[in-house]
PDB file of N, CA and C in Angstrom:
ATOM      1  N   UNK A   1      50.258  -5.243   6.093  1.00  0.00           N
ATOM      2  CA  UNK A   1      51.503  -5.631   6.841  1.00  0.00           C
ATOM      3  C   UNK A   1      50.854  -6.306   7.927  1.00  0.00           C
ATOM      4  N   UNK A   2      51.943  -7.352   8.398  1.00  0.00           N
ATOM      5  CA  UNK A   2      51.606  -8.074   9.632  1.00  0.00           C
ATOM      6  C   UNK A   2      51.882  -7.316  10.775  1.00  0.00           C
ATOM      7  N   UNK A   3      51.417  -7.873  12.050  1.00  0.00           N
ATOM      8  CA  UNK A   3      51.843  -7.205  13.296  1.00  0.00           C
ATOM      9  C   UNK A   3      53.341  -7.196  13.630  1.00  0.00           C
ATOM     10  N   UNK A   4      53.995  -8.274  13.224  1.00  0.00           N
ATOM     11  CA  UNK A   4      55.497  -8.170  13.483  1.00  0.00           C
ATOM     12  C   UNK A   4      56.274  -7.151  12.621  1.00  0.00           C
ATOM     13  N   UNK A   5      55.820  -6.945  11.364  1.00  0.00           N
ATOM     14  CA  UNK A   5      56.380  -5.916  10.514  1.00  0.00           C
ATOM     15  C   UNK A   5      55.954  -4.512  11.117  1.00  0.00           C
ATOM     16  N   UNK A   6      54.703  -4.426  11.687  1.00  0.00           N
ATOM     17  CA  UNK A   6      54.361  -3.046  12.200  1.00  0.00           C
ATOM     18  C   UNK A   6      55.136  -2.712  13.361  1.00  0.00           C
ATOM     19  N   UNK A   7      55.577  -3.698  14.314  1.00  0.00           N
ATOM     20  CA  UNK A   7      56.378  -3.463  15.459  1.00  0.00           C
ATOM     21  C   UNK A   7      57.647  -3.157  15.039  1.00  0.00           C
ATOM     22  N   UNK A   8      58.262  -3.849  14.002  1.00  0.00           N
ATOM     23  CA  UNK A   8      59.597  -3.498  13.359  1.00  0.00           C
ATOM     24  C   UNK A   8      59.599  -2.061  12.965  1.00  0.00           C
ATOM     25  N   UNK A   9      58.632  -1.776  12.154  1.00  0.00           N
ATOM     26  CA  UNK A   9      58.547  -0.419  11.463  1.00  0.00           C
ATOM     27  C   UNK A   9      58.403   0.676  12.686  1.00  0.00           C
ATOM     28  N   UNK A  10      57.792   0.433  13.639  1.00  0.00           N
ATOM     29  CA  UNK A  10      57.641   1.497  14.754  1.00  0.00           C
ATOM     30  C   UNK A  10      58.972   1.665  15.431  1.00  0.00           C
ATOM     31  N   UNK A  11      59.878   0.427  15.540  1.00  0.00           N
ATOM     32  CA  UNK A  11      61.096   0.545  16.091  1.00  0.00           C
ATOM     33  C   UNK A  11      62.052   1.192  15.200  1.00  0.00           C
ATOM     34  N   UNK A  12      61.969   1.105  13.798  1.00  0.00           N
ATOM     35  CA  UNK A  12      62.769   1.975  13.002  1.00  0.00           C
ATOM     36  C   UNK A  12      62.356   3.331  13.013  1.00  0.00           C
ATOM     37  N   UNK A  13      61.150   3.663  12.989  1.00  0.00           N
ATOM     38  CA  UNK A  13      60.778   5.134  13.151  1.00  0.00           C
ATOM     39  C   UNK A  13      61.401   5.590  14.365  1.00  0.00           C
ATOM     40  N   UNK A  14      61.371   5.053  15.452  1.00  0.00           N
ATOM     41  CA  UNK A  14      61.896   5.476  16.730  1.00  0.00           C
ATOM     42  C   UNK A  14      63.490   5.743  16.618  1.00  0.00           C
ATOM     43  N   UNK A  15      64.027   4.832  15.945  1.00  0.00           N
ATOM     44  CA  UNK A  15      65.563   4.980  15.933  1.00  0.00           C
ATOM     45  C   UNK A  15      65.904   6.070  14.761  1.00  0.00           C
ATOM     46  N   UNK A  16      65.022   6.145  13.746  1.00  0.00           N
ATOM     47  CA  UNK A  16      65.418   7.254  12.740  1.00  0.00           C
ATOM     48  C   UNK A  16      65.079   8.566  13.349  1.00  0.00           C
ATOM     49  N   UNK A  17      64.132   8.723  14.115  1.00  0.00           N
ATOM     50  CA  UNK A  17      63.826  10.074  14.901  1.00  0.00           C
ATOM     51  C   UNK A  17      65.046  10.449  15.752  1.00  0.00           C
ATOM     52  N   UNK A  18      65.585   9.466  16.390  1.00  0.00           N
ATOM     53  CA  UNK A  18      66.755   9.880  17.243  1.00  0.00           C
ATOM     54  C   UNK A  18      67.899  10.061  16.394  1.00  0.00           C
ATOM     55  N   UNK A  19      68.126   9.330  15.504  1.00  0.00           N
ATOM     56  CA  UNK A  19      69.333   9.643  14.540  1.00  0.00           C
ATOM     57  C   UNK A  19      69.119  11.066  13.917  1.00  0.00           C
ATOM     58  N   UNK A  20      67.978  11.403  13.519  1.00  0.00           N
ATOM     59  CA  UNK A  20      67.935  12.738  12.796  1.00  0.00           C
ATOM     60  C   UNK A  20      68.194  13.781  13.901  1.00  0.00           C
ATOM     61  N   UNK A  21      67.490  13.842  14.941  1.00  0.00           N
ATOM     62  CA  UNK A  21      67.794  14.681  16.006  1.00  0.00           C
ATOM     63  C   UNK A  21      69.124  14.898  16.405  1.00  0.00           C
ATOM     64  N   UNK A  22      69.709  13.840  16.653  1.00  0.00           N
ATOM     65  CA  UNK A  22      71.236  13.734  16.975  1.00  0.00           C
ATOM     66  C   UNK A  22      72.154  14.238  16.028  1.00  0.00           C
ATOM     67  N   UNK A  23      72.009  13.638  14.766  1.00  0.00           N
ATOM     68  CA  UNK A  23      73.026  13.987  13.780  1.00  0.00           C
ATOM     69  C   UNK A  23      72.733  15.247  12.994  1.00  0.00           C
ATOM     70  N   UNK A  24      71.568  15.597  12.884  1.00  0.00           N
ATOM     71  CA  UNK A  24      71.268  16.747  12.122  1.00  0.00           C
ATOM     72  C   UNK A  24      71.106  18.191  12.935  1.00  0.00           C
ATOM     73  N   UNK A  25      71.499  18.109  14.209  1.00  0.00           N
ATOM     74  CA  UNK A  25      71.414  19.240  15.061  1.00  0.00           C
ATOM     75  C   UNK A  25      70.038  19.931  15.213  1.00  0.00           C
ATOM     76  N   UNK A  26      69.103  19.119  15.172  1.00  0.00           N
ATOM     77  CA  UNK A  26      67.688  19.736  15.279  1.00  0.00           C
ATOM     78  C   UNK A  26      67.532  19.974  16.953  1.00  0.00           C
ATOM     79  N   UNK A  27      67.989  21.239  17.291  1.00  0.00           N
ATOM     80  CA  UNK A  27      68.267  21.473  18.740  1.00  0.00           C
ATOM     81  C   UNK A  27      66.972  21.724  19.518  1.00  0.00           C
ATOM     82  N   UNK A  28      65.951  22.341  18.778  1.00  0.00           N
ATOM     83  CA  UNK A  28      64.701  22.522  19.555  1.00  0.00           C
ATOM     84  C   UNK A  28      63.736  21.313  19.360  1.00  0.00           C
ATOM     85  N   UNK A  29      64.061  20.302  18.932  1.00  0.00           N
ATOM     86  CA  UNK A  29      63.022  19.284  18.690  1.00  0.00           C
ATOM     87  C   UNK A  29      63.322  17.849  19.421  1.00  0.00           C
ATOM     88  N   UNK A  30      62.540  17.284  20.234  1.00  0.00           N
ATOM     89  CA  UNK A  30      62.791  15.919  20.794  1.00  0.00           C
ATOM     90  C   UNK A  30      62.456  14.964  19.871  1.00  0.00           C
ATOM     91  N   UNK A  31      63.072  13.690  19.682  1.00  0.00           N
ATOM     92  CA  UNK A  31      62.709  12.779  18.769  1.00  0.00           C
ATOM     93  C   UNK A  31      61.104  12.408  18.837  1.00  0.00           C
ATOM     94  N   UNK A  32      60.550  12.324  19.984  1.00  0.00           N
ATOM     95  CA  UNK A  32      59.113  11.803  20.169  1.00  0.00           C
ATOM     96  C   UNK A  32      58.245  13.122  19.583  1.00  0.00           C
ATOM     97  N   UNK A  33      58.783  14.267  19.323  1.00  0.00           N
ATOM     98  CA  UNK A  33      57.917  15.435  18.831  1.00  0.00           C
ATOM     99  C   UNK A  33      57.673  15.117  17.235  1.00  0.00           C
ATOM    100  N   UNK A  34      58.493  14.417  16.583  1.00  0.00           N
ATOM    101  CA  UNK A  34      58.504  14.225  15.131  1.00  0.00           C
ATOM    102  C   UNK A  34      57.317  13.229  14.848  1.00  0.00           C
ATOM    103  N   UNK A  35      56.405  13.597  14.035  1.00  0.00           N
ATOM    104  CA  UNK A  35      55.229  12.759  13.859  1.00  0.00           C
ATOM    105  C   UNK A  35      55.795  11.742  12.683  1.00  0.00           C
ATOM    106  N   UNK A  36      55.141  10.517  12.707  1.00  0.00           N
ATOM    107  CA  UNK A  36      55.432   9.382  11.805  1.00  0.00           C
ATOM    108  C   UNK A  36      55.318   9.924  10.425  1.00  0.00           C
ATOM    109  N   UNK A  37      54.302  10.866  10.024  1.00  0.00           N
ATOM    110  CA  UNK A  37      54.046  11.313   8.664  1.00  0.00           C
ATOM    111  C   UNK A  37      54.657  12.647   8.423  1.00  0.00           C
ATOM    112  N   UNK A  38      55.576  13.129   9.330  1.00  0.00           N
ATOM    113  CA  UNK A  38      56.170  14.428   9.036  1.00  0.00           C
ATOM    114  C   UNK A  38      56.967  14.541   7.767  1.00  0.00           C
ATOM    115  N   UNK A  39      56.854  15.503   7.100  1.00  0.00           N
ATOM    116  CA  UNK A  39      57.555  15.778   5.927  1.00  0.00           C
ATOM    117  C   UNK A  39      58.921  16.277   6.318  1.00  0.00           C
ATOM    118  N   UNK A  40      60.029  15.644   5.605  1.00  0.00           N
ATOM    119  CA  UNK A  40      61.346  16.132   6.133  1.00  0.00           C
ATOM    120  C   UNK A  40      61.848  17.335   5.553  1.00  0.00           C
ATOM    121  N   UNK A  41      61.541  17.720   4.417  1.00  0.00           N
ATOM    122  CA  UNK A  41      62.103  19.030   3.858  1.00  0.00           C
ATOM    123  C   UNK A  41      61.028  20.034   3.660  1.00  0.00           C
ATOM    124  N   UNK A  42      61.517  21.217   3.459  1.00  0.00           N
ATOM    125  CA  UNK A  42      60.586  22.371   3.191  1.00  0.00           C
ATOM    126  C   UNK A  42      59.728  22.675   4.209  1.00  0.00           C
ATOM    127  N   UNK A  43      58.412  22.447   4.274  1.00  0.00           N
ATOM    128  CA  UNK A  43      57.483  23.049   5.317  1.00  0.00           C
ATOM    129  C   UNK A  43      57.543  22.026   6.469  1.00  0.00           C
ATOM    130  N   UNK A  44      57.843  20.852   6.436  1.00  0.00           N
ATOM    131  CA  UNK A  44      57.985  20.042   7.487  1.00  0.00           C
ATOM    132  C   UNK A  44      59.040  20.298   8.450  1.00  0.00           C
ATOM    133  N   UNK A  45      60.003  19.347   8.547  1.00  0.00           N
ATOM    134  CA  UNK A  45      61.090  19.613   9.454  1.00  0.00           C
ATOM    135  C   UNK A  45      62.129  20.794   9.059  1.00  0.00           C
ATOM    136  N   UNK A  46      62.021  20.854   7.797  1.00  0.00           N
ATOM    137  CA  UNK A  46      62.724  22.086   7.050  1.00  0.00           C
ATOM    138  C   UNK A  46      64.293  21.673   6.855  1.00  0.00           C
ATOM    139  N   UNK A  47      64.354  20.415   6.644  1.00  0.00           N
ATOM    140  CA  UNK A  47      65.691  20.020   6.244  1.00  0.00           C
ATOM    141  C   UNK A  47      66.191  20.417   4.928  1.00  0.00           C
ATOM    142  N   UNK A  48      67.382  20.503   4.662  1.00  0.00           N
ATOM    143  CA  UNK A  48      68.040  21.044   3.385  1.00  0.00           C
ATOM    144  C   UNK A  48      68.839  19.903   2.661  1.00  0.00           C
ATOM    145  N   UNK A  49      69.490  20.283   1.652  1.00  0.00           N
ATOM    146  CA  UNK A  49      70.142  19.368   0.779  1.00  0.00           C
ATOM    147  C   UNK A  49      71.482  18.765   1.621  1.00  0.00           C
ATOM    148  N   UNK A  50      71.905  19.667   2.426  1.00  0.00           N
ATOM    149  CA  UNK A  50      73.214  19.015   3.245  1.00  0.00           C
ATOM    150  C   UNK A  50      72.689  18.171   4.112  1.00  0.00           C
ATOM    151  N   UNK A  51      71.480  18.292   4.803  1.00  0.00           N
ATOM    152  CA  UNK A  51      70.887  17.232   5.641  1.00  0.00           C
ATOM    153  C   UNK A  51      70.593  15.928   4.793  1.00  0.00           C
ATOM    154  N   UNK A  52      70.108  16.118   3.557  1.00  0.00           N
ATOM    155  CA  UNK A  52      69.833  14.835   2.798  1.00  0.00           C
ATOM    156  C   UNK A  52      71.113  14.058   2.646  1.00  0.00           C
ATOM    157  N   UNK A  53      72.420  14.668   2.416  1.00  0.00           N
ATOM    158  CA  UNK A  53      73.499  14.053   2.267  1.00  0.00           C
ATOM    159  C   UNK A  53      73.912  13.277   3.678  1.00  0.00           C
ATOM    160  N   UNK A  54      73.537  13.988   4.810  1.00  0.00           N
ATOM    161  CA  UNK A  54      73.845  13.319   6.087  1.00  0.00           C
ATOM    162  C   UNK A  54      72.812  12.087   6.142  1.00  0.00           C
ATOM    163  N   UNK A  55      71.771  12.181   5.690  1.00  0.00           N
ATOM    164  CA  UNK A  55      70.666  11.192   5.872  1.00  0.00           C
ATOM    165  C   UNK A  55      71.300   9.945   4.970  1.00  0.00           C
ATOM    166  N   UNK A  56      71.884   9.999   3.846  1.00  0.00           N
ATOM    167  CA  UNK A  56      72.397   9.080   3.037  1.00  0.00           C
ATOM    168  C   UNK A  56      73.447   8.276   3.839  1.00  0.00           C
ATOM    169  N   UNK A  57      74.266   9.250   4.547  1.00  0.00           N
ATOM    170  CA  UNK A  57      75.470   8.579   5.336  1.00  0.00           C
ATOM    171  C   UNK A  57      74.869   7.841   6.487  1.00  0.00           C
ATOM    172  N   UNK A  58      73.865   8.369   7.185  1.00  0.00           N
ATOM    173  CA  UNK A  58      73.181   7.587   8.313  1.00  0.00           C
ATOM    174  C   UNK A  58      72.532   6.348   7.999  1.00  0.00           C
ATOM    175  N   UNK A  59      72.024   6.250   6.825  1.00  0.00           N
ATOM    176  CA  UNK A  59      71.394   5.094   6.222  1.00  0.00           C
ATOM    177  C   UNK A  59      72.516   3.920   5.997  1.00  0.00           C
ATOM    178  N   UNK A  60      73.553   4.481   5.432  1.00  0.00           N
ATOM    179  CA  UNK A  60      74.686   3.482   5.210  1.00  0.00           C
ATOM    180  C   UNK A  60      75.287   2.945   6.411  1.00  0.00           C
ATOM    181  N   UNK A  61      75.505   4.034   7.275  1.00  0.00           N
ATOM    182  CA  UNK A  61      76.321   3.621   8.550  1.00  0.00           C
ATOM    183  C   UNK A  61      75.279   2.881   9.622  1.00  0.00           C
ATOM    184  N   UNK A  62      74.230   3.032   9.615  1.00  0.00           N
ATOM    185  CA  UNK A  62      73.330   2.441  10.687  1.00  0.00           C
ATOM    186  C   UNK A  62      72.532   1.265   9.973  1.00  0.00           C
ATOM    187  N   UNK A  63      72.188   1.240   8.781  1.00  0.00           N
ATOM    188  CA  UNK A  63      71.312   0.169   8.215  1.00  0.00           C
ATOM    189  C   UNK A  63      72.043  -0.653   6.958  1.00  0.00           C
ATOM    190  N   UNK A  64      73.203  -0.205   6.584  1.00  0.00           N
ATOM    191  CA  UNK A  64      73.908  -0.883   5.517  1.00  0.00           C
ATOM    192  C   UNK A  64      73.179  -0.659   4.155  1.00  0.00           C
ATOM    193  N   UNK A  65      72.502   0.558   4.009  1.00  0.00           N
ATOM    194  CA  UNK A  65      71.846   0.917   2.817  1.00  0.00           C
ATOM    195  C   UNK A  65      72.299   2.044   1.942  1.00  0.00           C
ATOM    196  N   UNK A  66      72.329   1.979   0.656  1.00  0.00           N
ATOM    197  CA  UNK A  66      72.778   3.171  -0.095  1.00  0.00           C
ATOM    198  C   UNK A  66      71.650   3.568  -1.038  1.00  0.00           C
ATOM    199  N   UNK A  67      71.685   4.850  -1.135  1.00  0.00           N
ATOM    200  CA  UNK A  67      70.657   5.529  -2.014  1.00  0.00           C
ATOM    201  C   UNK A  67      71.641   6.125  -3.115  1.00  0.00           C
ATOM    202  N   UNK A  68      71.446   5.553  -4.232  1.00  0.00           N
ATOM    203  CA  UNK A  68      72.250   6.019  -5.418  1.00  0.00           C
ATOM    204  C   UNK A  68      71.533   6.937  -6.408  1.00  0.00           C
ATOM    205  N   UNK A  69      70.472   6.752  -6.616  1.00  0.00           N
ATOM    206  CA  UNK A  69      69.542   7.520  -7.532  1.00  0.00           C
ATOM    207  C   UNK A  69      68.794   8.465  -6.725  1.00  0.00           C
ATOM    208  N   UNK A  70      69.168   9.810  -6.900  1.00  0.00           N
ATOM    209  CA  UNK A  70      68.445  10.733  -6.277  1.00  0.00           C
ATOM    210  C   UNK A  70      66.873  11.018  -6.560  1.00  0.00           C
ATOM    211  N   UNK A  71      66.459  10.446  -7.857  1.00  0.00           N
ATOM    212  CA  UNK A  71      65.116  10.450  -8.059  1.00  0.00           C
ATOM    213  C   UNK A  71      64.348   9.741  -7.002  1.00  0.00           C
ATOM    214  N   UNK A  72      64.942   8.552  -6.900  1.00  0.00           N
ATOM    215  CA  UNK A  72      64.374   7.547  -6.028  1.00  0.00           C
ATOM    216  C   UNK A  72      64.478   7.948  -4.407  1.00  0.00           C
ATOM    217  N   UNK A  73      65.635   8.700  -4.319  1.00  0.00           N
ATOM    218  CA  UNK A  73      65.915   9.469  -2.952  1.00  0.00           C
ATOM    219  C   UNK A  73      64.903  10.405  -2.607  1.00  0.00           C
ATOM    220  N   UNK A  74      64.377  11.226  -3.485  1.00  0.00           N
ATOM    221  CA  UNK A  74      63.259  12.126  -3.251  1.00  0.00           C
ATOM    222  C   UNK A  74      62.021  11.449  -2.821  1.00  0.00           C
ATOM    223  N   UNK A  75      61.725  10.257  -3.182  1.00  0.00           N
ATOM    224  CA  UNK A  75      60.408   9.423  -2.731  1.00  0.00           C
ATOM    225  C   UNK A  75      60.782   8.909  -1.367  1.00  0.00           C
ATOM    226  N   UNK A  76      61.895   8.369  -1.234  1.00  0.00           N
ATOM    227  CA  UNK A  76      62.317   7.742   0.018  1.00  0.00           C
ATOM    228  C   UNK A  76      62.392   8.921   1.122  1.00  0.00           C
ATOM    229  N   UNK A  77      62.981   9.940   0.702  1.00  0.00           N
ATOM    230  CA  UNK A  77      63.212  11.010   1.865  1.00  0.00           C
ATOM    231  C   UNK A  77      61.900  11.847   1.911  1.00  0.00           C
ATOM    232  N   UNK A  78      60.874  11.572   1.488  1.00  0.00           N
ATOM    233  CA  UNK A  78      59.706  12.533   1.538  1.00  0.00           C
ATOM    234  C   UNK A  78      59.171  12.888   2.944  1.00  0.00           C
ATOM    235  N   UNK A  79      59.015  11.687   3.693  1.00  0.00           N
ATOM    236  CA  UNK A  79      58.618  11.780   5.090  1.00  0.00           C
ATOM    237  C   UNK A  79      59.294  10.738   5.958  1.00  0.00           C
ATOM    238  N   UNK A  80      59.136  10.840   7.270  1.00  0.00           N
ATOM    239  CA  UNK A  80      59.777   9.882   8.229  1.00  0.00           C
ATOM    240  C   UNK A  80      59.186   8.573   7.948  1.00  0.00           C
ATOM    241  N   UNK A  81      57.845   8.330   7.585  1.00  0.00           N
ATOM    242  CA  UNK A  81      57.332   7.262   7.328  1.00  0.00           C
ATOM    243  C   UNK A  81      57.874   6.553   6.043  1.00  0.00           C
ATOM    244  N   UNK A  82      58.078   7.241   4.970  1.00  0.00           N
ATOM    245  CA  UNK A  82      58.502   6.844   3.774  1.00  0.00           C
ATOM    246  C   UNK A  82      60.025   6.192   3.891  1.00  0.00           C
ATOM    247  N   UNK A  83      60.775   7.033   4.679  1.00  0.00           N
ATOM    248  CA  UNK A  83      62.086   6.638   5.097  1.00  0.00           C
ATOM    249  C   UNK A  83      62.300   5.271   5.948  1.00  0.00           C
ATOM    250  N   UNK A  84      61.347   5.265   6.965  1.00  0.00           N
ATOM    251  CA  UNK A  84      61.193   3.929   7.680  1.00  0.00           C
ATOM    252  C   UNK A  84      60.769   2.829   6.858  1.00  0.00           C
ATOM    253  N   UNK A  85      60.039   2.941   5.999  1.00  0.00           N
ATOM    254  CA  UNK A  85      59.464   1.734   5.308  1.00  0.00           C
ATOM    255  C   UNK A  85      60.466   1.380   4.341  1.00  0.00           C
ATOM    256  N   UNK A  86      61.311   2.313   3.708  1.00  0.00           N
ATOM    257  CA  UNK A  86      62.422   1.994   2.799  1.00  0.00           C
ATOM    258  C   UNK A  86      63.543   1.173   3.646  1.00  0.00           C
ATOM    259  N   UNK A  87      63.705   1.576   4.883  1.00  0.00           N
ATOM    260  CA  UNK A  87      64.734   0.838   5.673  1.00  0.00           C
ATOM    261  C   UNK A  87      64.209  -0.550   5.887  1.00  0.00           C
ATOM    262  N   UNK A  88      62.923  -0.643   6.280  1.00  0.00           N
ATOM    263  CA  UNK A  88      62.386  -2.101   6.618  1.00  0.00           C
ATOM    264  C   UNK A  88      62.403  -2.856   5.353  1.00  0.00           C
ATOM    265  N   UNK A  89      61.981  -2.303   4.220  1.00  0.00           N
ATOM    266  CA  UNK A  89      61.994  -3.213   3.111  1.00  0.00           C
ATOM    267  C   UNK A  89      63.344  -3.543   2.422  1.00  0.00           C
ATOM    268  N   UNK A  90      64.449  -2.817   2.728  1.00  0.00           N
ATOM    269  CA  UNK A  90      65.719  -2.956   2.086  1.00  0.00           C
ATOM    270  C   UNK A  90      66.851  -3.193   2.782  1.00  0.00           C
ATOM    271  N   UNK A  91      66.765  -3.177   4.181  1.00  0.00           N
ATOM    272  CA  UNK A  91      67.833  -3.210   5.061  1.00  0.00           C
ATOM    273  C   UNK A  91      68.357  -4.756   4.994  1.00  0.00           C
ATOM    274  N   UNK A  92      69.631  -4.886   5.229  1.00  0.00           N
ATOM    275  CA  UNK A  92      70.327  -6.338   5.234  1.00  0.00           C
ATOM    276  C   UNK A  92      69.981  -6.982   6.536  1.00  0.00           C
ATOM    277  N   UNK A  93      69.442  -8.220   6.493  1.00  0.00           N
ATOM    278  CA  UNK A  93      69.001  -8.909   7.719  1.00  0.00           C
ATOM    279  C   UNK A  93      70.167  -9.429   8.495  1.00  0.00           C
TER     280      UNK A  93
END
């Protein structure tokens, strides 16, 4: 990945962290406390299936992306990094 893409990926991670904290009511967490490789569900941030639905809406509203296949969604939603990489590779320019 070139330097431009790395900078773009870092910016997407920052935006995603802010969106997650704001929209998923993660009250005790600041966006900068979320690690780039943070696992989103279960032992990581502890998100649940309702949060997954909200993330789908956030992706659509903020990046113009749709996740229709939930098998694919499981891979995309694994960690903050996998989510950010999905946005970088698939968002509408």
